[in-house]
Amino acid sequence: MNLLNADLHCHSRFSDGTLSPTELAERASAQGVALWALTDHDEIRGLAEAAAAAQTLGMGFVNGVEISVTFAGETVHIVGLGFDATDAGLQAGLAHTRGGRLARAQGMADGLAKVGLPGALEGALRYVSNPDLVSRTHFARWLVETGVCSDTGAVFRRYLTDGKPGFVPHRWAGLGDAVAWITRAGGVAVIAHPGRYRFSVNEEFALFSEFKAHGGQGVEVLTGSHGPADTAKYSEMALEFGLLASRGSDFHSPSESRIELGSLPDLSATLTPVWQALKWRAPQQRLTPFSA
């Protein structure tokens, strides 16, 4: 089971990706992905299209979402997998989390205008299908298109990280809330790309401990932003905390993403893969969400 080509983290145009769910499914299938999840930020409207496309292509599929939470003053992402997308509690929680993004975007635009970059919000919204989901990535694409920076990485370094003119902090959902929304909807909660967070050793231990105490079950060991040292570290932490190991590219765009869909190495045989806790069937059958 550890050799399964599963990609359980990627984004479509419904959040901050550039491809439609169908285009992502086709790309994943072409890369040999056997089990796929679409995990848009705080949004599940793309799941029906994604599931239909995966079934047509003969690829396994589970529902996914990536929820923004605030923990120890940092934004942390929790991926939900295999949940019932019709669950009212999950839907309400995601709607509440999306609600603050537009106000935050206006603050980002105001900060950029002060350093001679007017019109940023209007520019960013050109890349958004739903204004409630406008994000730093959409601002970055506009700043690249207008020639301010050569690539989105340069935009983040110069304008959109803590202490830079376009950075605006936001209070997202609580860790316990996000995990509860996912698990009460019959899904599995996973800490996304833990190597990206700027936590001290004690803060990181607290994140994993509280996540597990709230009912969280998994951690991304293999992901696009993890190098070999991160993979080794979070493999050990998965074993230490008794967490399932997940694998996902965090693919956003053919021109922006660190790695291609389905191109991560295999999970170590010492780990228990998260897909052992997910119910997924051959594509010609109706997929059944995991229920605890």
C-alpha atoms as a PDB file:
ATOM      1  CA  MET A   1       0.000   0.000   0.000  1.00  0.00           C
ATOM      2  CA  ASN A   2       2.929   2.411   0.567  1.00  0.00           C
ATOM      3  CA  LEU A   3       3.801   2.163  -3.139  1.00  0.00           C
ATOM      4  CA  LEU A   4       0.436   3.571  -4.260  1.00  0.00           C
ATOM      5  CA  ASN A   5       0.792   6.707  -6.403  1.00  0.00           C
ATOM      6  CA  ALA A   6      -1.597   8.830  -4.356  1.00  0.00           C
ATOM      7  CA  ASP A   7      -1.679  12.615  -4.698  1.00  0.00           C
ATOM      8  CA  LEU A   8      -3.862  13.992  -1.927  1.00  0.00           C
ATOM      9  CA  HIS A   9      -3.123  17.722  -2.082  1.00  0.00           C
ATOM     10  CA  CYS A  10      -3.684  20.061  -5.037  1.00  0.00           C
ATOM     11  CA  HIS A  11      -5.666  23.162  -5.990  1.00  0.00           C
ATOM     12  CA  SER A  12      -7.996  24.210  -8.794  1.00  0.00           C
ATOM     13  CA  ARG A  13      -9.405  27.521 -10.011  1.00  0.00           C
ATOM     14  CA  PHE A  14     -11.997  27.234  -7.240  1.00  0.00           C
ATOM     15  CA  SER A  15      -9.258  28.513  -4.892  1.00  0.00           C
ATOM     16  CA  ASP A  16      -5.752  29.566  -5.974  1.00  0.00           C
ATOM     17  CA  GLY A  17      -4.911  27.060  -8.711  1.00  0.00           C
ATOM     18  CA  THR A  18      -4.951  27.884 -12.421  1.00  0.00           C
ATOM     19  CA  LEU A  19      -6.597  24.709 -13.813  1.00  0.00           C
ATOM     20  CA  SER A  20     -10.171  23.480 -13.616  1.00  0.00           C
ATOM     21  CA  PRO A  21     -10.918  20.314 -11.612  1.00  0.00           C
ATOM     22  CA  THR A  22     -11.303  18.405 -14.882  1.00  0.00           C
ATOM     23  CA  GLU A  23      -7.957  19.652 -16.203  1.00  0.00           C
ATOM     24  CA  LEU A  24      -6.294  18.679 -12.927  1.00  0.00           C
ATOM     25  CA  ALA A  25      -7.832  15.213 -13.075  1.00  0.00           C
ATOM     26  CA  GLU A  26      -6.565  14.735 -16.617  1.00  0.00           C
ATOM     27  CA  ARG A  27      -3.077  15.888 -15.630  1.00  0.00           C
ATOM     28  CA  ALA A  28      -3.023  13.634 -12.556  1.00  0.00           C
ATOM     29  CA  SER A  29      -4.182  10.648 -14.593  1.00  0.00           C
ATOM     30  CA  ALA A  30      -1.517  11.296 -17.237  1.00  0.00           C
ATOM     31  CA  GLN A  31       1.095  11.281 -14.447  1.00  0.00           C
ATOM     32  CA  GLY A  32      -0.039   7.853 -13.268  1.00  0.00           C
ATOM     33  CA  VAL A  33      -1.900   8.949 -10.140  1.00  0.00           C
ATOM     34  CA  ALA A  34      -4.053   6.074  -8.856  1.00  0.00           C
ATOM     35  CA  LEU A  35      -5.769   7.887  -5.970  1.00  0.00           C
ATOM     36  CA  TRP A  36      -6.415  11.619  -6.126  1.00  0.00           C
ATOM     37  CA  ALA A  37      -7.953  14.340  -3.951  1.00  0.00           C
ATOM     38  CA  LEU A  38      -8.780  17.933  -4.826  1.00  0.00           C
ATOM     39  CA  THR A  39      -8.066  20.090  -1.745  1.00  0.00           C
ATOM     40  CA  ASP A  40      -9.025  23.689  -2.510  1.00  0.00           C
ATOM     41  CA  HIS A  41      -8.578  26.287   0.230  1.00  0.00           C
ATOM     42  CA  ASP A  42     -11.690  26.495   2.438  1.00  0.00           C
ATOM     43  CA  GLU A  43     -13.856  25.522  -0.558  1.00  0.00           C
ATOM     44  CA  ILE A  44     -15.525  22.309  -1.751  1.00  0.00           C
ATOM     45  CA  ARG A  45     -17.497  23.518  -4.790  1.00  0.00           C
ATOM     46  CA  GLY A  46     -15.090  21.808  -7.197  1.00  0.00           C
ATOM     47  CA  LEU A  47     -15.466  18.328  -5.737  1.00  0.00           C
ATOM     48  CA  ALA A  48     -18.423  17.137  -7.830  1.00  0.00           C
ATOM     49  CA  GLU A  49     -16.647  18.014 -11.079  1.00  0.00           C
ATOM     50  CA  ALA A  50     -13.402  16.469  -9.817  1.00  0.00           C
ATOM     51  CA  ALA A  51     -15.095  13.215  -8.800  1.00  0.00           C
ATOM     52  CA  ALA A  52     -16.878  12.907 -12.155  1.00  0.00           C
ATOM     53  CA  ALA A  53     -13.662  13.542 -14.091  1.00  0.00           C
ATOM     54  CA  ALA A  54     -11.713  11.023 -12.001  1.00  0.00           C
ATOM     55  CA  GLN A  55     -14.363   8.387 -12.584  1.00  0.00           C
ATOM     56  CA  THR A  56     -14.306   8.976 -16.343  1.00  0.00           C
ATOM     57  CA  LEU A  57     -10.512   8.633 -16.344  1.00  0.00           C
ATOM     58  CA  GLY A  58     -10.495   5.443 -14.253  1.00  0.00           C
ATOM     59  CA  MET A  59      -8.777   7.090 -11.264  1.00  0.00           C
ATOM     60  CA  GLY A  60      -9.667   6.671  -7.600  1.00  0.00           C
ATOM     61  CA  PHE A  61     -10.916   9.808  -5.846  1.00  0.00           C
ATOM     62  CA  VAL A  62     -11.682  11.040  -2.320  1.00  0.00           C
ATOM     63  CA  ASN A  63     -13.150  14.380  -1.270  1.00  0.00           C
ATOM     64  CA  GLY A  64     -10.620  16.915   0.001  1.00  0.00           C
ATOM     65  CA  VAL A  65     -10.273  20.448   1.374  1.00  0.00           C
ATOM     66  CA  GLU A  66      -7.483  22.540   2.918  1.00  0.00           C
ATOM     67  CA  ILE A  67      -8.623  24.625   5.889  1.00  0.00           C
ATOM     68  CA  SER A  68      -6.718  27.674   7.160  1.00  0.00           C
ATOM     69  CA  VAL A  69      -6.294  27.822  10.933  1.00  0.00           C
ATOM     70  CA  THR A  70      -4.414  30.104  13.327  1.00  0.00           C
ATOM     71  CA  PHE A  71      -2.083  28.422  15.813  1.00  0.00           C
ATOM     72  CA  ALA A  72       0.528  30.192  17.983  1.00  0.00           C
ATOM     73  CA  GLY A  73       0.203  33.294  15.835  1.00  0.00           C
ATOM     74  CA  GLU A  74       0.922  31.430  12.579  1.00  0.00           C
ATOM     75  CA  THR A  75      -1.338  30.309   9.750  1.00  0.00           C
ATOM     76  CA  VAL A  76      -1.421  26.518   9.605  1.00  0.00           C
ATOM     77  CA  HIS A  77      -3.230  24.423   7.009  1.00  0.00           C
ATOM     78  CA  ILE A  78      -5.229  21.308   7.836  1.00  0.00           C
ATOM     79  CA  VAL A  79      -6.207  19.010   4.974  1.00  0.00           C
ATOM     80  CA  GLY A  80      -9.449  17.070   5.261  1.00  0.00           C
ATOM     81  CA  LEU A  81      -9.839  13.829   3.300  1.00  0.00           C
ATOM     82  CA  GLY A  82     -12.693  11.416   2.664  1.00  0.00           C
ATOM     83  CA  PHE A  83     -15.474  13.457   4.295  1.00  0.00           C
ATOM     84  CA  ASP A  84     -19.151  13.801   3.399  1.00  0.00           C
ATOM     85  CA  ALA A  85     -19.282  17.039   1.394  1.00  0.00           C
ATOM     86  CA  THR A  86     -22.972  17.517   2.225  1.00  0.00           C
ATOM     87  CA  ASP A  87     -22.289  17.771   5.973  1.00  0.00           C
ATOM     88  CA  ALA A  88     -23.922  20.984   7.244  1.00  0.00           C
ATOM     89  CA  GLY A  89     -21.355  21.622   9.975  1.00  0.00           C
ATOM     90  CA  LEU A  90     -18.447  21.417   7.571  1.00  0.00           C
ATOM     91  CA  GLN A  91     -20.172  23.644   5.037  1.00  0.00           C
ATOM     92  CA  ALA A  92     -20.964  26.287   7.666  1.00  0.00           C
ATOM     93  CA  GLY A  93     -17.430  26.240   9.038  1.00  0.00           C
ATOM     94  CA  LEU A  94     -15.891  26.689   5.607  1.00  0.00           C
ATOM     95  CA  ALA A  95     -18.272  29.543   4.782  1.00  0.00           C
ATOM     96  CA  HIS A  96     -17.270  31.318   7.984  1.00  0.00           C
ATOM     97  CA  THR A  97     -13.555  30.844   7.249  1.00  0.00           C
ATOM     98  CA  ARG A  98     -13.915  32.223   3.719  1.00  0.00           C
ATOM     99  CA  GLY A  99     -15.721  35.308   5.010  1.00  0.00           C
ATOM    100  CA  GLY A 100     -12.664  37.298   6.077  1.00  0.00           C
ATOM    101  CA  ARG A 101     -10.586  36.981   2.923  1.00  0.00           C
ATOM    102  CA  LEU A 102     -11.947  39.959   0.968  1.00  0.00           C
ATOM    103  CA  ALA A 103     -11.419  42.409   3.840  1.00  0.00           C
ATOM    104  CA  ARG A 104      -7.881  41.077   4.253  1.00  0.00           C
ATOM    105  CA  ALA A 105      -7.283  41.534   0.512  1.00  0.00           C
ATOM    106  CA  GLN A 106      -8.324  45.175   0.715  1.00  0.00           C
ATOM    107  CA  GLY A 107      -5.764  45.697   3.466  1.00  0.00           C
ATOM    108  CA  MET A 108      -3.093  44.046   1.315  1.00  0.00           C
ATOM    109  CA  ALA A 109      -3.974  46.312  -1.599  1.00  0.00           C
ATOM    110  CA  ASP A 110      -3.806  49.378   0.639  1.00  0.00           C
ATOM    111  CA  GLY A 111      -0.318  48.394   1.787  1.00  0.00           C
ATOM    112  CA  LEU A 112       0.880  47.860  -1.775  1.00  0.00           C
ATOM    113  CA  ALA A 113      -0.571  51.202  -2.864  1.00  0.00           C
ATOM    114  CA  LYS A 114       1.529  52.943  -0.191  1.00  0.00           C
ATOM    115  CA  VAL A 115       4.701  51.691  -1.880  1.00  0.00           C
ATOM    116  CA  GLY A 116       3.636  52.772  -5.363  1.00  0.00           C
ATOM    117  CA  LEU A 117       1.612  49.763  -6.530  1.00  0.00           C
ATOM    118  CA  PRO A 118      -2.003  50.967  -6.910  1.00  0.00           C
ATOM    119  CA  GLY A 119      -4.831  48.838  -8.307  1.00  0.00           C
ATOM    120  CA  ALA A 120      -3.613  45.596  -6.732  1.00  0.00           C
ATOM    121  CA  LEU A 121      -7.006  44.367  -5.560  1.00  0.00           C
ATOM    122  CA  GLU A 122      -8.597  44.868  -8.956  1.00  0.00           C
ATOM    123  CA  GLY A 123      -5.610  43.158 -10.540  1.00  0.00           C
ATOM    124  CA  ALA A 124      -5.732  40.195  -8.167  1.00  0.00           C
ATOM    125  CA  LEU A 125      -9.469  39.727  -8.672  1.00  0.00           C
ATOM    126  CA  ARG A 126      -8.870  39.091 -12.370  1.00  0.00           C
ATOM    127  CA  TYR A 127      -7.484  35.688 -11.366  1.00  0.00           C
ATOM    128  CA  VAL A 128     -10.299  34.744  -8.981  1.00  0.00           C
ATOM    129  CA  SER A 129     -13.493  32.846  -9.758  1.00  0.00           C
ATOM    130  CA  ASN A 130     -14.859  33.580  -6.281  1.00  0.00           C
ATOM    131  CA  PRO A 131     -13.872  36.911  -4.632  1.00  0.00           C
ATOM    132  CA  ASP A 132     -14.402  35.323  -1.201  1.00  0.00           C
ATOM    133  CA  LEU A 133     -11.308  33.209  -1.906  1.00  0.00           C
ATOM    134  CA  VAL A 134      -8.903  35.937  -3.050  1.00  0.00           C
ATOM    135  CA  SER A 135      -5.447  35.175  -1.659  1.00  0.00           C
ATOM    136  CA  ARG A 136      -1.813  36.257  -1.716  1.00  0.00           C
ATOM    137  CA  THR A 137      -1.239  33.970  -4.692  1.00  0.00           C
ATOM    138  CA  HIS A 138      -3.672  35.998  -6.807  1.00  0.00           C
ATOM    139  CA  PHE A 139      -1.848  39.230  -5.892  1.00  0.00           C
ATOM    140  CA  ALA A 140       1.445  37.535  -6.772  1.00  0.00           C
ATOM    141  CA  ARG A 141       0.222  36.542 -10.229  1.00  0.00           C
ATOM    142  CA  TRP A 142      -0.863  40.115 -10.963  1.00  0.00           C
ATOM    143  CA  LEU A 143       2.497  41.520  -9.841  1.00  0.00           C
ATOM    144  CA  VAL A 144       4.311  39.066 -12.114  1.00  0.00           C
ATOM    145  CA  GLU A 145       2.038  39.866 -15.059  1.00  0.00           C
ATOM    146  CA  THR A 146       2.617  43.602 -14.625  1.00  0.00           C
ATOM    147  CA  GLY A 147       6.394  43.108 -14.532  1.00  0.00           C
ATOM    148  CA  VAL A 148       6.945  44.165 -10.926  1.00  0.00           C
ATOM    149  CA  CYS A 149       8.623  40.810 -10.161  1.00  0.00           C
ATOM    150  CA  SER A 150       9.974  38.011 -12.312  1.00  0.00           C
ATOM    151  CA  ASP A 151       8.134  35.190 -10.539  1.00  0.00           C
ATOM    152  CA  THR A 152       5.687  34.580  -7.715  1.00  0.00           C
ATOM    153  CA  GLY A 153       8.451  33.560  -5.307  1.00  0.00           C
ATOM    154  CA  ALA A 154      10.056  36.988  -5.689  1.00  0.00           C
ATOM    155  CA  VAL A 155       6.692  38.657  -5.035  1.00  0.00           C
ATOM    156  CA  PHE A 156       6.277  36.827  -1.734  1.00  0.00           C
ATOM    157  CA  ARG A 157       9.811  37.659  -0.619  1.00  0.00           C
ATOM    158  CA  ARG A 158       9.515  41.371  -1.462  1.00  0.00           C
ATOM    159  CA  TYR A 159       5.885  42.181  -0.728  1.00  0.00           C
ATOM    160  CA  LEU A 160       3.671  39.488   0.813  1.00  0.00           C
ATOM    161  CA  THR A 161       5.389  37.955   3.849  1.00  0.00           C
ATOM    162  CA  ASP A 162       5.467  39.153   7.452  1.00  0.00           C
ATOM    163  CA  GLY A 163       7.019  42.629   7.683  1.00  0.00           C
ATOM    164  CA  LYS A 164       6.572  43.414   3.974  1.00  0.00           C
ATOM    165  CA  PRO A 165       4.190  46.128   2.668  1.00  0.00           C
ATOM    166  CA  GLY A 166       1.485  43.810   1.334  1.00  0.00           C
ATOM    167  CA  PHE A 167       1.295  41.455   4.308  1.00  0.00           C
ATOM    168  CA  VAL A 168      -1.878  41.487   6.402  1.00  0.00           C
ATOM    169  CA  PRO A 169      -2.342  38.881   9.151  1.00  0.00           C
ATOM    170  CA  HIS A 170      -5.702  37.186   9.431  1.00  0.00           C
ATOM    171  CA  ARG A 171      -7.375  35.273  12.238  1.00  0.00           C
ATOM    172  CA  TRP A 172      -8.524  31.995  10.735  1.00  0.00           C
ATOM    173  CA  ALA A 173     -10.417  29.081  12.280  1.00  0.00           C
ATOM    174  CA  GLY A 174      -9.226  27.434  15.486  1.00  0.00           C
ATOM    175  CA  LEU A 175      -7.302  24.160  15.197  1.00  0.00           C
ATOM    176  CA  GLY A 176      -9.917  22.246  17.182  1.00  0.00           C
ATOM    177  CA  ASP A 177     -12.731  23.680  15.075  1.00  0.00           C
ATOM    178  CA  ALA A 178     -11.159  22.639  11.765  1.00  0.00           C
ATOM    179  CA  VAL A 179     -10.391  19.123  12.971  1.00  0.00           C
ATOM    180  CA  ALA A 180     -13.949  18.783  14.329  1.00  0.00           C
ATOM    181  CA  TRP A 181     -15.550  19.925  11.060  1.00  0.00           C
ATOM    182  CA  ILE A 182     -13.595  17.278   9.170  1.00  0.00           C
ATOM    183  CA  THR A 183     -13.976  14.378  11.590  1.00  0.00           C
ATOM    184  CA  ARG A 184     -17.677  14.988  12.305  1.00  0.00           C
ATOM    185  CA  ALA A 185     -18.224  14.836   8.540  1.00  0.00           C
ATOM    186  CA  GLY A 186     -16.626  11.365   8.567  1.00  0.00           C
ATOM    187  CA  GLY A 187     -13.217  12.445   7.284  1.00  0.00           C
ATOM    188  CA  VAL A 188      -9.566  12.286   8.267  1.00  0.00           C
ATOM    189  CA  ALA A 189      -7.718  15.465   9.325  1.00  0.00           C
ATOM    190  CA  VAL A 190      -4.084  15.870   8.211  1.00  0.00           C
ATOM    191  CA  ILE A 191      -1.463  18.527   9.056  1.00  0.00           C
ATOM    192  CA  ALA A 192      -0.379  19.966   5.699  1.00  0.00           C
ATOM    193  CA  HIS A 193       3.307  20.638   4.833  1.00  0.00           C
ATOM    194  CA  PRO A 194       4.538  21.007   8.462  1.00  0.00           C
ATOM    195  CA  GLY A 195       8.033  21.915   7.278  1.00  0.00           C
ATOM    196  CA  ARG A 196       6.765  25.312   6.112  1.00  0.00           C
ATOM    197  CA  TYR A 197       5.773  26.664   9.508  1.00  0.00           C
ATOM    198  CA  ARG A 198       8.131  28.914  11.465  1.00  0.00           C
ATOM    199  CA  PHE A 199       7.643  27.254  14.821  1.00  0.00           C
ATOM    200  CA  SER A 200      10.088  26.678  17.618  1.00  0.00           C
ATOM    201  CA  VAL A 201      10.620  23.083  18.718  1.00  0.00           C
ATOM    202  CA  ASN A 202       8.194  23.589  21.599  1.00  0.00           C
ATOM    203  CA  GLU A 203       5.541  25.242  19.416  1.00  0.00           C
ATOM    204  CA  GLU A 204       5.746  22.447  16.858  1.00  0.00           C
ATOM    205  CA  PHE A 205       5.418  19.829  19.597  1.00  0.00           C
ATOM    206  CA  ALA A 206       2.370  21.701  20.885  1.00  0.00           C
ATOM    207  CA  LEU A 207       0.832  21.763  17.388  1.00  0.00           C
ATOM    208  CA  PHE A 208       1.189  18.000  16.972  1.00  0.00           C
ATOM    209  CA  SER A 209       0.036  17.287  20.515  1.00  0.00           C
ATOM    210  CA  GLU A 210      -3.076  19.475  20.308  1.00  0.00           C
ATOM    211  CA  PHE A 211      -3.885  18.233  16.813  1.00  0.00           C
ATOM    212  CA  LYS A 212      -3.801  14.636  18.034  1.00  0.00           C
ATOM    213  CA  ALA A 213      -5.831  15.511  21.139  1.00  0.00           C
ATOM    214  CA  HIS A 214      -8.546  17.095  18.971  1.00  0.00           C
ATOM    215  CA  GLY A 215      -8.844  13.910  16.898  1.00  0.00           C
ATOM    216  CA  GLY A 216      -6.402  14.650  14.071  1.00  0.00           C
ATOM    217  CA  GLN A 217      -5.088  11.502  12.431  1.00  0.00           C
ATOM    218  CA  GLY A 218      -2.464  12.323   9.804  1.00  0.00           C
ATOM    219  CA  VAL A 219       0.490  14.435   8.684  1.00  0.00           C
ATOM    220  CA  GLU A 220       1.904  15.182   5.238  1.00  0.00           C
ATOM    221  CA  VAL A 221       5.306  13.541   5.096  1.00  0.00           C
ATOM    222  CA  LEU A 222       5.821  13.875   1.346  1.00  0.00           C
ATOM    223  CA  THR A 223       4.851  17.191  -0.232  1.00  0.00           C
ATOM    224  CA  GLY A 224       6.214  19.656  -2.755  1.00  0.00           C
ATOM    225  CA  SER A 225       7.813  21.986  -0.197  1.00  0.00           C
ATOM    226  CA  HIS A 226       9.585  19.235   1.790  1.00  0.00           C
ATOM    227  CA  GLY A 227      13.181  18.335   1.140  1.00  0.00           C
ATOM    228  CA  PRO A 228      14.784  15.035   2.215  1.00  0.00           C
ATOM    229  CA  ALA A 229      15.512  16.361   5.720  1.00  0.00           C
ATOM    230  CA  ASP A 230      11.864  17.392   6.179  1.00  0.00           C
ATOM    231  CA  THR A 231      10.680  14.015   4.946  1.00  0.00           C
ATOM    232  CA  ALA A 232      12.926  12.224   7.424  1.00  0.00           C
ATOM    233  CA  LYS A 233      11.898  14.510  10.295  1.00  0.00           C
ATOM    234  CA  TYR A 234       8.150  14.206   9.754  1.00  0.00           C
ATOM    235  CA  SER A 235       8.375  10.482   9.143  1.00  0.00           C
ATOM    236  CA  GLU A 236       9.814  10.242  12.642  1.00  0.00           C
ATOM    237  CA  MET A 237       7.142  12.557  14.050  1.00  0.00           C
ATOM    238  CA  ALA A 238       4.392  10.523  12.387  1.00  0.00           C
ATOM    239  CA  LEU A 239       5.705   7.462  14.207  1.00  0.00           C
ATOM    240  CA  GLU A 240       6.197   9.354  17.489  1.00  0.00           C
ATOM    241  CA  PHE A 241       2.635  10.710  17.519  1.00  0.00           C
ATOM    242  CA  GLY A 242       0.979   7.666  15.978  1.00  0.00           C
ATOM    243  CA  LEU A 243      -0.177   9.592  12.893  1.00  0.00           C
ATOM    244  CA  LEU A 244      -0.985   8.323   9.428  1.00  0.00           C
ATOM    245  CA  ALA A 245       1.361   9.524   6.669  1.00  0.00           C
ATOM    246  CA  SER A 246       0.045  11.469   3.690  1.00  0.00           C
ATOM    247  CA  ARG A 247       1.499  12.287   0.288  1.00  0.00           C
ATOM    248  CA  GLY A 248       0.510  15.261  -1.887  1.00  0.00           C
ATOM    249  CA  SER A 249       2.219  17.544  -4.387  1.00  0.00           C
ATOM    250  CA  ASP A 250       0.421  20.791  -3.371  1.00  0.00           C
ATOM    251  CA  PHE A 251       0.176  21.437  -7.111  1.00  0.00           C
ATOM    252  CA  HIS A 252      -1.253  24.843  -8.134  1.00  0.00           C
ATOM    253  CA  SER A 253      -0.110  25.550 -11.673  1.00  0.00           C
ATOM    254  CA  PRO A 254       2.061  24.062 -14.430  1.00  0.00           C
ATOM    255  CA  SER A 255       4.271  27.177 -14.341  1.00  0.00           C
ATOM    256  CA  GLU A 256       4.377  27.856 -10.580  1.00  0.00           C
ATOM    257  CA  SER A 257       4.419  24.558  -8.701  1.00  0.00           C
ATOM    258  CA  ARG A 258       7.582  23.055  -7.248  1.00  0.00           C
ATOM    259  CA  ILE A 259       6.769  19.564  -8.491  1.00  0.00           C
ATOM    260  CA  GLU A 260       4.372  17.820 -10.849  1.00  0.00           C
ATOM    261  CA  LEU A 261       1.263  15.928  -9.767  1.00  0.00           C
ATOM    262  CA  GLY A 262       2.039  12.325  -8.872  1.00  0.00           C
ATOM    263  CA  SER A 263       5.830  12.788  -8.920  1.00  0.00           C
ATOM    264  CA  LEU A 264       6.672  12.358  -5.237  1.00  0.00           C
ATOM    265  CA  PRO A 265       8.714   9.357  -4.045  1.00  0.00           C
ATOM    266  CA  ASP A 266       7.049   6.451  -2.286  1.00  0.00           C
ATOM    267  CA  LEU A 267       6.256   6.537   1.422  1.00  0.00           C
ATOM    268  CA  SER A 268       8.617   4.627   3.673  1.00  0.00           C
ATOM    269  CA  ALA A 269       7.513   1.092   4.521  1.00  0.00           C
ATOM    270  CA  THR A 270       7.802   2.027   8.221  1.00  0.00           C
ATOM    271  CA  LEU A 271       4.813   4.400   7.919  1.00  0.00           C
ATOM    272  CA  THR A 272       1.082   3.718   7.773  1.00  0.00           C
ATOM    273  CA  PRO A 273      -0.372   5.558   4.751  1.00  0.00           C
ATOM    274  CA  VAL A 274      -3.421   7.724   5.270  1.00  0.00           C
ATOM    275  CA  TRP A 275      -5.284   6.008   2.440  1.00  0.00           C
ATOM    276  CA  GLN A 276      -5.610   2.890   4.591  1.00  0.00           C
ATOM    277  CA  ALA A 277      -8.162   4.915   6.614  1.00  0.00           C
ATOM    278  CA  LEU A 278     -10.057   6.123   3.518  1.00  0.00           C
ATOM    279  CA  LYS A 279     -12.821   4.265   1.708  1.00  0.00           C
ATOM    280  CA  TRP A 280     -12.225   4.404  -2.013  1.00  0.00           C
ATOM    281  CA  ARG A 281     -13.386   1.990  -4.632  1.00  0.00           C
ATOM    282  CA  ALA A 282     -12.828   1.235  -8.287  1.00  0.00           C
ATOM    283  CA  PRO A 283     -13.920   4.291 -10.301  1.00  0.00           C
ATOM    284  CA  GLN A 284     -16.857   2.532 -11.948  1.00  0.00           C
ATOM    285  CA  GLN A 285     -18.436   2.138  -8.491  1.00  0.00           C
ATOM    286  CA  ARG A 286     -19.907   4.832  -6.301  1.00  0.00           C
ATOM    287  CA  LEU A 287     -17.235   6.261  -3.959  1.00  0.00           C
ATOM    288  CA  THR A 288     -18.143   6.048  -0.285  1.00  0.00           C
ATOM    289  CA  PRO A 289     -16.739   8.651   2.165  1.00  0.00           C
ATOM    290  CA  PHE A 290     -14.825   7.317   5.138  1.00  0.00           C
ATOM    291  CA  SER A 291     -16.929   7.100   8.297  1.00  0.00           C
ATOM    292  CA  ALA A 292     -15.409   6.505  11.697  1.00  0.00           C
END
